[in-house]
Amino acid sequence: MKIIIINGVPKSGKDEFVSICKSENLPYVLNISTVDFVKEIASACGWDGTKDEHNRKFLSDLKKLLTEWNEVPIKKIEEKIIEFKEKIKKNNLDLDKIIIFIHCREPKEIDKLVEKFNAQTLLIRRHSAELENHSNDSDLNVFNYNYNYVIYNNGTLEDLRDSAKEFLNLILK
């Protein structure tokens, strides 16, 4: 099983990249984020799911508080991975062909996840997305990390598909 920490500014193509990887005849690809549980809490507080700059800052600040308080986002990722591993065992799937993508923006959290799960890191870059205004710490710190892999998503969807195939060939050998 491969665990990949994936990052990039909003609209860089992270989810599309993972979606392409899922379509490559792998037995299972899990796509999770350190902000998933934060979104659940935000929804309980009245957040309607929109991702404008004001709401993105709210989510970033809430995640920061939960992290400082008790490492909640990382603990929730651990729970999801444990559940996932149990599911894998029950279904007798080939562990060598399974990938978990964990979306995480903050460099300190990326380090913790890399250490905890022996994960690799991947940055998806898209020039047009990087030119947009980013007003919260999470989005502003995307480039403050030395990633194992960088994929440039400045071309067509087919170009991104080719990059995803190359990436999979590289990490699954």
N, C-alpha and C. Protein backbone atom coordinates (compact mmCIF):
# COMPACT_ATOMS: atom_id res chain seq x y z
N MET A 1 0.85 -1.17 0.00
CA MET A 1 0.00 0.00 0.00
C MET A 1 0.90 1.24 0.00
N LYS A 2 0.54 2.19 -0.85
CA LYS A 2 1.28 3.45 -0.94
C LYS A 2 0.42 4.56 -0.36
N ILE A 3 1.04 5.39 0.44
CA ILE A 3 0.34 6.56 0.98
C ILE A 3 1.03 7.79 0.43
N ILE A 4 0.23 8.63 -0.21
CA ILE A 4 0.73 9.83 -0.86
C ILE A 4 0.05 11.04 -0.23
N ILE A 5 0.85 11.98 0.26
CA ILE A 5 0.32 13.25 0.73
C ILE A 5 0.28 14.16 -0.50
N ILE A 6 -0.91 14.62 -0.86
CA ILE A 6 -1.08 15.43 -2.05
C ILE A 6 -1.43 16.86 -1.65
N ASN A 7 -0.86 17.81 -2.37
CA ASN A 7 -1.07 19.21 -2.05
C ASN A 7 -1.06 20.04 -3.32
N GLY A 8 -1.53 21.24 -3.21
CA GLY A 8 -1.58 22.20 -4.30
C GLY A 8 -2.59 23.28 -3.93
N VAL A 9 -2.46 24.43 -4.55
CA VAL A 9 -3.41 25.50 -4.26
C VAL A 9 -4.80 25.10 -4.76
N PRO A 10 -5.85 25.79 -4.30
CA PRO A 10 -7.19 25.49 -4.83
C PRO A 10 -7.22 25.59 -6.35
N LYS A 11 -7.95 24.69 -6.97
CA LYS A 11 -8.15 24.63 -8.43
C LYS A 11 -6.90 24.21 -9.21
N SER A 12 -5.95 23.56 -8.52
CA SER A 12 -4.75 23.10 -9.22
C SER A 12 -4.96 21.76 -9.92
N GLY A 13 -6.01 21.01 -9.52
CA GLY A 13 -6.29 19.74 -10.18
C GLY A 13 -6.04 18.52 -9.31
N LYS A 14 -5.95 18.69 -8.01
CA LYS A 14 -5.66 17.56 -7.11
C LYS A 14 -6.73 16.47 -7.20
N ASP A 15 -8.00 16.86 -7.07
CA ASP A 15 -9.07 15.86 -7.12
C ASP A 15 -9.18 15.22 -8.51
N GLU A 16 -8.96 15.99 -9.54
CA GLU A 16 -8.98 15.42 -10.89
C GLU A 16 -7.85 14.42 -11.06
N PHE A 17 -6.67 14.73 -10.52
CA PHE A 17 -5.53 13.82 -10.57
C PHE A 17 -5.88 12.50 -9.88
N VAL A 18 -6.44 12.59 -8.68
CA VAL A 18 -6.82 11.39 -7.94
C VAL A 18 -7.89 10.62 -8.70
N SER A 19 -8.84 11.31 -9.28
CA SER A 19 -9.90 10.67 -10.07
C SER A 19 -9.30 9.89 -11.25
N ILE A 20 -8.33 10.47 -11.89
CA ILE A 20 -7.65 9.79 -13.01
C ILE A 20 -6.95 8.53 -12.49
N CYS A 21 -6.27 8.66 -11.36
CA CYS A 21 -5.59 7.49 -10.77
C CYS A 21 -6.59 6.38 -10.46
N LYS A 22 -7.76 6.76 -9.95
CA LYS A 22 -8.81 5.77 -9.64
C LYS A 22 -9.25 5.02 -10.90
N SER A 23 -9.19 5.66 -12.04
CA SER A 23 -9.67 5.04 -13.28
C SER A 23 -8.63 4.12 -13.93
N GLU A 24 -7.49 3.94 -13.30
CA GLU A 24 -6.40 3.17 -13.90
C GLU A 24 -6.35 1.71 -13.45
N ASN A 25 -7.49 1.10 -13.26
CA ASN A 25 -7.59 -0.33 -12.93
C ASN A 25 -6.85 -0.74 -11.66
N LEU A 26 -6.83 0.14 -10.70
CA LEU A 26 -6.28 -0.22 -9.39
C LEU A 26 -7.42 -0.80 -8.57
N PRO A 27 -7.12 -1.74 -7.66
CA PRO A 27 -8.19 -2.34 -6.87
C PRO A 27 -8.90 -1.32 -5.98
N TYR A 28 -8.15 -0.34 -5.50
CA TYR A 28 -8.79 0.65 -4.64
C TYR A 28 -7.88 1.86 -4.49
N VAL A 29 -8.48 3.04 -4.56
CA VAL A 29 -7.80 4.30 -4.28
C VAL A 29 -8.66 5.03 -3.27
N LEU A 30 -8.08 5.36 -2.13
CA LEU A 30 -8.79 6.11 -1.11
C LEU A 30 -8.34 7.56 -1.19
N ASN A 31 -9.30 8.48 -1.18
CA ASN A 31 -9.04 9.92 -1.28
C ASN A 31 -9.61 10.59 -0.04
N ILE A 32 -8.71 11.01 0.88
CA ILE A 32 -9.17 11.61 2.13
C ILE A 32 -8.41 12.92 2.36
N SER A 33 -8.91 13.71 3.29
CA SER A 33 -8.29 15.00 3.57
C SER A 33 -8.26 15.27 5.06
N THR A 34 -7.24 15.99 5.48
CA THR A 34 -7.15 16.39 6.88
C THR A 34 -8.22 17.42 7.23
N VAL A 35 -8.93 17.92 6.25
CA VAL A 35 -9.98 18.91 6.52
C VAL A 35 -11.39 18.28 6.48
N ASP A 36 -11.49 16.98 6.19
CA ASP A 36 -12.81 16.33 6.11
C ASP A 36 -13.61 16.49 7.40
N PHE A 37 -13.00 16.17 8.53
CA PHE A 37 -13.70 16.27 9.81
C PHE A 37 -13.97 17.73 10.16
N VAL A 38 -13.04 18.61 9.79
CA VAL A 38 -13.22 20.04 10.02
C VAL A 38 -14.48 20.52 9.29
N LYS A 39 -14.70 20.02 8.09
CA LYS A 39 -15.89 20.39 7.32
C LYS A 39 -17.17 19.89 8.01
N GLU A 40 -17.09 18.72 8.62
CA GLU A 40 -18.25 18.21 9.37
C GLU A 40 -18.61 19.14 10.52
N ILE A 41 -17.59 19.58 11.25
CA ILE A 41 -17.83 20.50 12.36
C ILE A 41 -18.35 21.83 11.84
N ALA A 42 -17.75 22.33 10.77
CA ALA A 42 -18.17 23.61 10.19
C ALA A 42 -19.63 23.54 9.74
N SER A 43 -20.01 22.42 9.15
CA SER A 43 -21.41 22.24 8.72
C SER A 43 -22.35 22.27 9.92
N ALA A 44 -21.94 21.64 11.01
CA ALA A 44 -22.76 21.66 12.23
C ALA A 44 -22.90 23.07 12.78
N CYS A 45 -21.94 23.94 12.45
CA CYS A 45 -21.97 25.34 12.90
C CYS A 45 -22.72 26.24 11.92
N GLY A 46 -23.19 25.68 10.79
CA GLY A 46 -23.95 26.48 9.83
C GLY A 46 -23.27 26.75 8.51
N TRP A 47 -22.03 26.26 8.32
CA TRP A 47 -21.35 26.45 7.04
C TRP A 47 -22.13 25.72 5.96
N ASP A 48 -22.38 26.40 4.84
CA ASP A 48 -23.22 25.83 3.78
C ASP A 48 -22.45 25.12 2.68
N GLY A 49 -21.16 24.97 2.84
CA GLY A 49 -20.37 24.23 1.86
C GLY A 49 -19.70 25.09 0.81
N THR A 50 -19.99 26.37 0.78
CA THR A 50 -19.34 27.23 -0.22
C THR A 50 -17.88 27.44 0.16
N LYS A 51 -17.05 27.63 -0.87
CA LYS A 51 -15.61 27.76 -0.64
C LYS A 51 -15.09 29.10 -1.15
N ASP A 52 -15.72 30.18 -0.74
CA ASP A 52 -15.17 31.49 -1.07
C ASP A 52 -14.02 31.78 -0.09
N GLU A 53 -13.35 32.90 -0.28
CA GLU A 53 -12.18 33.19 0.55
C GLU A 53 -12.54 33.29 2.04
N HIS A 54 -13.68 33.88 2.35
CA HIS A 54 -14.11 34.01 3.75
C HIS A 54 -14.29 32.63 4.39
N ASN A 55 -14.97 31.74 3.70
CA ASN A 55 -15.20 30.39 4.23
C ASN A 55 -13.93 29.55 4.26
N ARG A 56 -13.06 29.73 3.27
CA ARG A 56 -11.79 28.99 3.26
C ARG A 56 -10.95 29.39 4.48
N LYS A 57 -10.97 30.68 4.82
CA LYS A 57 -10.25 31.15 6.01
C LYS A 57 -10.86 30.55 7.27
N PHE A 58 -12.20 30.51 7.34
CA PHE A 58 -12.88 29.90 8.48
C PHE A 58 -12.44 28.45 8.65
N LEU A 59 -12.44 27.67 7.57
CA LEU A 59 -12.04 26.27 7.63
C LEU A 59 -10.58 26.14 8.06
N SER A 60 -9.73 26.99 7.51
CA SER A 60 -8.30 26.96 7.86
C SER A 60 -8.09 27.28 9.34
N ASP A 61 -8.78 28.31 9.82
CA ASP A 61 -8.65 28.68 11.23
C ASP A 61 -9.19 27.59 12.15
N LEU A 62 -10.32 27.01 11.79
CA LEU A 62 -10.91 25.93 12.59
C LEU A 62 -9.98 24.73 12.63
N LYS A 63 -9.40 24.38 11.50
CA LYS A 63 -8.46 23.26 11.47
C LYS A 63 -7.24 23.55 12.35
N LYS A 64 -6.76 24.77 12.28
CA LYS A 64 -5.61 25.15 13.10
C LYS A 64 -5.93 24.98 14.60
N LEU A 65 -7.11 25.42 15.00
CA LEU A 65 -7.52 25.27 16.40
C LEU A 65 -7.61 23.80 16.81
N LEU A 66 -8.21 22.98 15.96
CA LEU A 66 -8.35 21.55 16.27
C LEU A 66 -6.99 20.86 16.33
N THR A 67 -6.08 21.30 15.48
CA THR A 67 -4.72 20.74 15.48
C THR A 67 -3.97 21.13 16.74
N GLU A 68 -4.03 22.40 17.09
CA GLU A 68 -3.34 22.87 18.29
C GLU A 68 -3.92 22.24 19.54
N TRP A 69 -5.23 22.05 19.55
CA TRP A 69 -5.89 21.52 20.74
C TRP A 69 -5.50 20.07 21.01
N ASN A 70 -5.59 19.21 19.96
CA ASN A 70 -5.35 17.79 20.23
C ASN A 70 -5.05 16.99 18.96
N GLU A 71 -4.45 17.62 17.96
CA GLU A 71 -4.10 16.89 16.72
C GLU A 71 -5.30 16.17 16.11
N VAL A 72 -6.48 16.75 16.26
CA VAL A 72 -7.71 16.09 15.81
C VAL A 72 -7.67 15.70 14.33
N PRO A 73 -7.29 16.59 13.40
CA PRO A 73 -7.31 16.19 11.99
C PRO A 73 -6.44 14.97 11.68
N ILE A 74 -5.27 14.89 12.27
CA ILE A 74 -4.40 13.74 12.03
C ILE A 74 -4.97 12.49 12.68
N LYS A 75 -5.54 12.63 13.87
CA LYS A 75 -6.17 11.47 14.51
C LYS A 75 -7.32 10.93 13.67
N LYS A 76 -8.08 11.81 13.04
CA LYS A 76 -9.19 11.37 12.18
C LYS A 76 -8.65 10.66 10.93
N ILE A 77 -7.54 11.11 10.40
CA ILE A 77 -6.90 10.43 9.26
C ILE A 77 -6.47 9.02 9.69
N GLU A 78 -5.85 8.91 10.86
CA GLU A 78 -5.45 7.60 11.38
C GLU A 78 -6.64 6.66 11.48
N GLU A 79 -7.76 7.15 12.01
CA GLU A 79 -8.97 6.32 12.13
C GLU A 79 -9.43 5.83 10.76
N LYS A 80 -9.43 6.72 9.77
CA LYS A 80 -9.87 6.34 8.42
C LYS A 80 -8.95 5.29 7.82
N ILE A 81 -7.66 5.43 8.05
CA ILE A 81 -6.70 4.46 7.50
C ILE A 81 -6.86 3.11 8.18
N ILE A 82 -7.08 3.10 9.48
CA ILE A 82 -7.31 1.83 10.20
C ILE A 82 -8.56 1.15 9.66
N GLU A 83 -9.65 1.89 9.49
CA GLU A 83 -10.89 1.33 8.92
C GLU A 83 -10.63 0.78 7.52
N PHE A 84 -9.89 1.54 6.74
CA PHE A 84 -9.59 1.14 5.37
C PHE A 84 -8.77 -0.15 5.33
N LYS A 85 -7.78 -0.26 6.19
CA LYS A 85 -6.94 -1.47 6.23
C LYS A 85 -7.78 -2.69 6.62
N GLU A 86 -8.71 -2.52 7.52
CA GLU A 86 -9.60 -3.63 7.89
C GLU A 86 -10.45 -4.06 6.69
N LYS A 87 -10.93 -3.11 5.94
CA LYS A 87 -11.71 -3.40 4.73
C LYS A 87 -10.87 -4.15 3.71
N ILE A 88 -9.62 -3.74 3.56
CA ILE A 88 -8.70 -4.38 2.62
C ILE A 88 -8.48 -5.84 3.01
N LYS A 89 -8.24 -6.08 4.31
CA LYS A 89 -8.01 -7.45 4.79
C LYS A 89 -9.22 -8.34 4.51
N LYS A 90 -10.42 -7.81 4.75
CA LYS A 90 -11.64 -8.59 4.53
C LYS A 90 -11.83 -8.96 3.07
N ASN A 91 -11.40 -8.08 2.17
CA ASN A 91 -11.61 -8.31 0.74
C ASN A 91 -10.41 -8.93 0.04
N ASN A 92 -9.36 -9.25 0.79
CA ASN A 92 -8.16 -9.89 0.23
C ASN A 92 -7.63 -9.19 -1.01
N LEU A 93 -7.52 -7.87 -0.97
CA LEU A 93 -7.02 -7.11 -2.10
C LEU A 93 -5.49 -7.07 -2.09
N ASP A 94 -4.91 -6.88 -3.26
CA ASP A 94 -3.46 -6.81 -3.42
C ASP A 94 -2.97 -5.47 -2.87
N LEU A 95 -2.28 -5.51 -1.75
CA LEU A 95 -1.81 -4.29 -1.10
C LEU A 95 -0.85 -3.48 -1.96
N ASP A 96 -0.12 -4.15 -2.86
CA ASP A 96 0.85 -3.45 -3.70
C ASP A 96 0.19 -2.52 -4.72
N LYS A 97 -1.09 -2.68 -4.96
CA LYS A 97 -1.80 -1.89 -5.96
C LYS A 97 -2.83 -0.94 -5.33
N ILE A 98 -2.65 -0.65 -4.05
CA ILE A 98 -3.60 0.21 -3.35
C ILE A 98 -2.90 1.51 -2.98
N ILE A 99 -3.59 2.62 -3.22
CA ILE A 99 -3.03 3.93 -2.92
C ILE A 99 -4.00 4.71 -2.05
N ILE A 100 -3.45 5.36 -1.04
CA ILE A 100 -4.22 6.30 -0.23
C ILE A 100 -3.66 7.69 -0.50
N PHE A 101 -4.50 8.58 -0.97
CA PHE A 101 -4.13 9.98 -1.14
C PHE A 101 -4.67 10.75 0.06
N ILE A 102 -3.79 11.47 0.74
CA ILE A 102 -4.19 12.31 1.86
C ILE A 102 -3.92 13.76 1.47
N HIS A 103 -4.98 14.54 1.38
CA HIS A 103 -4.83 15.96 1.10
C HIS A 103 -4.45 16.67 2.39
N CYS A 104 -3.34 17.40 2.33
CA CYS A 104 -2.88 18.14 3.50
C CYS A 104 -2.09 19.35 3.02
N ARG A 105 -2.32 20.49 3.62
CA ARG A 105 -1.68 21.73 3.18
C ARG A 105 -0.53 22.18 4.08
N GLU A 106 -0.63 21.95 5.37
CA GLU A 106 0.30 22.55 6.32
C GLU A 106 1.59 21.73 6.42
N PRO A 107 2.75 22.40 6.20
CA PRO A 107 4.03 21.68 6.22
C PRO A 107 4.29 20.85 7.48
N LYS A 108 3.97 21.37 8.65
CA LYS A 108 4.20 20.61 9.89
C LYS A 108 3.35 19.34 9.93
N GLU A 109 2.11 19.45 9.45
CA GLU A 109 1.25 18.27 9.41
C GLU A 109 1.72 17.28 8.35
N ILE A 110 2.19 17.79 7.23
CA ILE A 110 2.73 16.91 6.19
C ILE A 110 3.88 16.09 6.79
N ASP A 111 4.77 16.75 7.50
CA ASP A 111 5.89 16.04 8.14
C ASP A 111 5.40 14.94 9.08
N LYS A 112 4.40 15.24 9.88
CA LYS A 112 3.86 14.24 10.82
C LYS A 112 3.27 13.05 10.07
N LEU A 113 2.55 13.33 8.99
CA LEU A 113 1.94 12.25 8.21
C LEU A 113 3.00 11.41 7.49
N VAL A 114 4.02 12.06 6.97
CA VAL A 114 5.12 11.35 6.30
C VAL A 114 5.78 10.41 7.30
N GLU A 115 6.06 10.90 8.48
CA GLU A 115 6.72 10.07 9.51
C GLU A 115 5.81 8.94 9.98
N LYS A 116 4.57 9.26 10.27
CA LYS A 116 3.63 8.28 10.82
C LYS A 116 3.33 7.15 9.83
N PHE A 117 3.21 7.48 8.55
CA PHE A 117 2.77 6.49 7.55
C PHE A 117 3.83 6.15 6.50
N ASN A 118 5.05 6.64 6.69
CA ASN A 118 6.09 6.43 5.69
C ASN A 118 5.59 6.84 4.30
N ALA A 119 4.96 8.00 4.26
CA ALA A 119 4.31 8.48 3.04
C ALA A 119 5.28 9.24 2.14
N GLN A 120 4.90 9.33 0.89
CA GLN A 120 5.58 10.17 -0.09
C GLN A 120 4.73 11.43 -0.28
N THR A 121 5.32 12.49 -0.82
CA THR A 121 4.60 13.74 -1.00
C THR A 121 4.53 14.13 -2.47
N LEU A 122 3.42 14.74 -2.84
CA LEU A 122 3.17 15.13 -4.22
C LEU A 122 2.54 16.51 -4.25
N LEU A 123 3.11 17.39 -5.07
CA LEU A 123 2.57 18.72 -5.28
C LEU A 123 2.02 18.81 -6.70
N ILE A 124 0.77 19.23 -6.82
CA ILE A 124 0.17 19.48 -8.14
C ILE A 124 0.22 20.99 -8.36
N ARG A 125 0.83 21.42 -9.45
CA ARG A 125 0.96 22.85 -9.75
C ARG A 125 0.18 23.20 -11.01
N ARG A 126 -0.54 24.30 -10.93
CA ARG A 126 -1.25 24.85 -12.09
C ARG A 126 -1.06 26.36 -12.04
N HIS A 127 -0.37 26.86 -13.04
CA HIS A 127 0.02 28.26 -13.05
C HIS A 127 -1.17 29.21 -12.86
N SER A 128 -2.25 29.00 -13.57
CA SER A 128 -3.40 29.90 -13.48
C SER A 128 -4.01 29.91 -12.08
N ALA A 129 -4.01 28.76 -11.40
CA ALA A 129 -4.55 28.68 -10.04
C ALA A 129 -3.63 29.38 -9.05
N GLU A 130 -2.33 29.33 -9.31
CA GLU A 130 -1.37 29.95 -8.41
C GLU A 130 -1.41 31.47 -8.48
N LEU A 131 -1.94 32.01 -9.57
CA LEU A 131 -2.04 33.46 -9.72
C LEU A 131 -3.22 34.05 -8.95
N GLU A 132 -4.15 33.21 -8.53
CA GLU A 132 -5.32 33.70 -7.80
C GLU A 132 -4.93 34.12 -6.39
N ASN A 133 -5.76 34.97 -5.79
CA ASN A 133 -5.53 35.45 -4.43
C ASN A 133 -5.84 34.34 -3.42
N HIS A 134 -4.93 34.14 -2.48
CA HIS A 134 -5.13 33.15 -1.42
C HIS A 134 -4.95 33.86 -0.09
N SER A 135 -5.98 33.83 0.74
CA SER A 135 -6.00 34.67 1.93
C SER A 135 -5.85 33.93 3.25
N ASN A 136 -5.66 32.63 3.22
CA ASN A 136 -5.52 31.92 4.50
C ASN A 136 -4.17 31.22 4.57
N ASP A 137 -3.74 30.94 5.79
CA ASP A 137 -2.42 30.35 6.01
C ASP A 137 -2.23 29.03 5.30
N SER A 138 -3.27 28.22 5.27
CA SER A 138 -3.15 26.90 4.65
C SER A 138 -2.80 27.01 3.18
N ASP A 139 -3.50 27.88 2.45
CA ASP A 139 -3.24 28.05 1.02
C ASP A 139 -1.91 28.76 0.77
N LEU A 140 -1.55 29.67 1.65
CA LEU A 140 -0.32 30.46 1.46
C LEU A 140 0.94 29.63 1.71
N ASN A 141 0.84 28.53 2.46
CA ASN A 141 2.02 27.74 2.81
C ASN A 141 2.24 26.51 1.93
N VAL A 142 1.48 26.38 0.87
CA VAL A 142 1.57 25.21 0.00
C VAL A 142 3.00 24.98 -0.52
N PHE A 143 3.71 26.05 -0.83
CA PHE A 143 5.04 25.91 -1.44
C PHE A 143 6.17 25.86 -0.43
N ASN A 144 5.84 25.86 0.86
CA ASN A 144 6.85 25.83 1.91
C ASN A 144 7.17 24.40 2.34
N TYR A 145 7.35 23.54 1.35
CA TYR A 145 7.66 22.14 1.62
C TYR A 145 8.48 21.59 0.46
N ASN A 146 9.37 20.66 0.76
CA ASN A 146 10.19 20.01 -0.27
C ASN A 146 9.53 18.68 -0.62
N TYR A 147 8.75 18.65 -1.69
CA TYR A 147 7.96 17.48 -2.08
C TYR A 147 8.82 16.44 -2.80
N ASN A 148 8.41 15.18 -2.67
CA ASN A 148 9.09 14.10 -3.40
C ASN A 148 8.82 14.19 -4.90
N TYR A 149 7.59 14.57 -5.25
CA TYR A 149 7.18 14.63 -6.65
C TYR A 149 6.42 15.93 -6.91
N VAL A 150 6.61 16.48 -8.10
CA VAL A 150 5.86 17.67 -8.52
C VAL A 150 5.31 17.38 -9.91
N ILE A 151 4.01 17.62 -10.07
CA ILE A 151 3.36 17.45 -11.37
C ILE A 151 2.79 18.79 -11.79
N TYR A 152 3.11 19.19 -13.01
CA TYR A 152 2.61 20.45 -13.54
C TYR A 152 1.36 20.18 -14.37
N ASN A 153 0.28 20.83 -13.99
CA ASN A 153 -1.01 20.65 -14.63
C ASN A 153 -1.38 21.92 -15.41
N ASN A 154 -0.58 22.24 -16.41
CA ASN A 154 -0.80 23.46 -17.20
C ASN A 154 -1.32 23.16 -18.60
N GLY A 155 -1.48 21.90 -18.91
CA GLY A 155 -1.91 21.53 -20.26
C GLY A 155 -3.35 21.04 -20.28
N THR A 156 -3.58 20.04 -21.10
CA THR A 156 -4.92 19.49 -21.29
C THR A 156 -5.20 18.41 -20.25
N LEU A 157 -6.44 17.97 -20.23
CA LEU A 157 -6.81 16.86 -19.37
C LEU A 157 -6.03 15.60 -19.77
N GLU A 158 -5.82 15.43 -21.05
CA GLU A 158 -5.03 14.28 -21.52
C GLU A 158 -3.59 14.36 -21.02
N ASP A 159 -3.03 15.57 -20.97
CA ASP A 159 -1.68 15.75 -20.41
C ASP A 159 -1.64 15.33 -18.94
N LEU A 160 -2.67 15.72 -18.19
CA LEU A 160 -2.73 15.34 -16.78
C LEU A 160 -2.89 13.83 -16.65
N ARG A 161 -3.68 13.23 -17.53
CA ARG A 161 -3.84 11.77 -17.52
C ARG A 161 -2.49 11.08 -17.77
N ASP A 162 -1.72 11.60 -18.72
CA ASP A 162 -0.40 11.03 -18.99
C ASP A 162 0.52 11.17 -17.78
N SER A 163 0.46 12.32 -17.13
CA SER A 163 1.28 12.54 -15.92
C SER A 163 0.88 11.59 -14.81
N ALA A 164 -0.42 11.36 -14.66
CA ALA A 164 -0.91 10.43 -13.63
C ALA A 164 -0.42 9.01 -13.92
N LYS A 165 -0.48 8.58 -15.16
CA LYS A 165 0.01 7.25 -15.52
C LYS A 165 1.50 7.11 -15.23
N GLU A 166 2.28 8.12 -15.59
CA GLU A 166 3.72 8.10 -15.31
C GLU A 166 3.97 8.02 -13.80
N PHE A 167 3.21 8.80 -13.04
CA PHE A 167 3.35 8.80 -11.58
C PHE A 167 3.04 7.42 -11.01
N LEU A 168 1.94 6.82 -11.45
CA LEU A 168 1.57 5.50 -10.96
C LEU A 168 2.64 4.45 -11.31
N ASN A 169 3.14 4.51 -12.53
CA ASN A 169 4.21 3.57 -12.93
C ASN A 169 5.43 3.73 -12.03
N LEU A 170 5.72 4.96 -11.66
CA LEU A 170 6.88 5.24 -10.83
C LEU A 170 6.70 4.73 -9.40
N ILE A 171 5.55 4.99 -8.80
CA ILE A 171 5.40 4.63 -7.38
C ILE A 171 4.97 3.18 -7.16
N LEU A 172 4.40 2.53 -8.19
CA LEU A 172 3.92 1.17 -8.01
C LEU A 172 4.89 0.09 -8.48
N LYS A 173 6.09 0.49 -8.90
CA LYS A 173 7.03 -0.54 -9.36
C LYS A 173 7.67 -1.27 -8.23
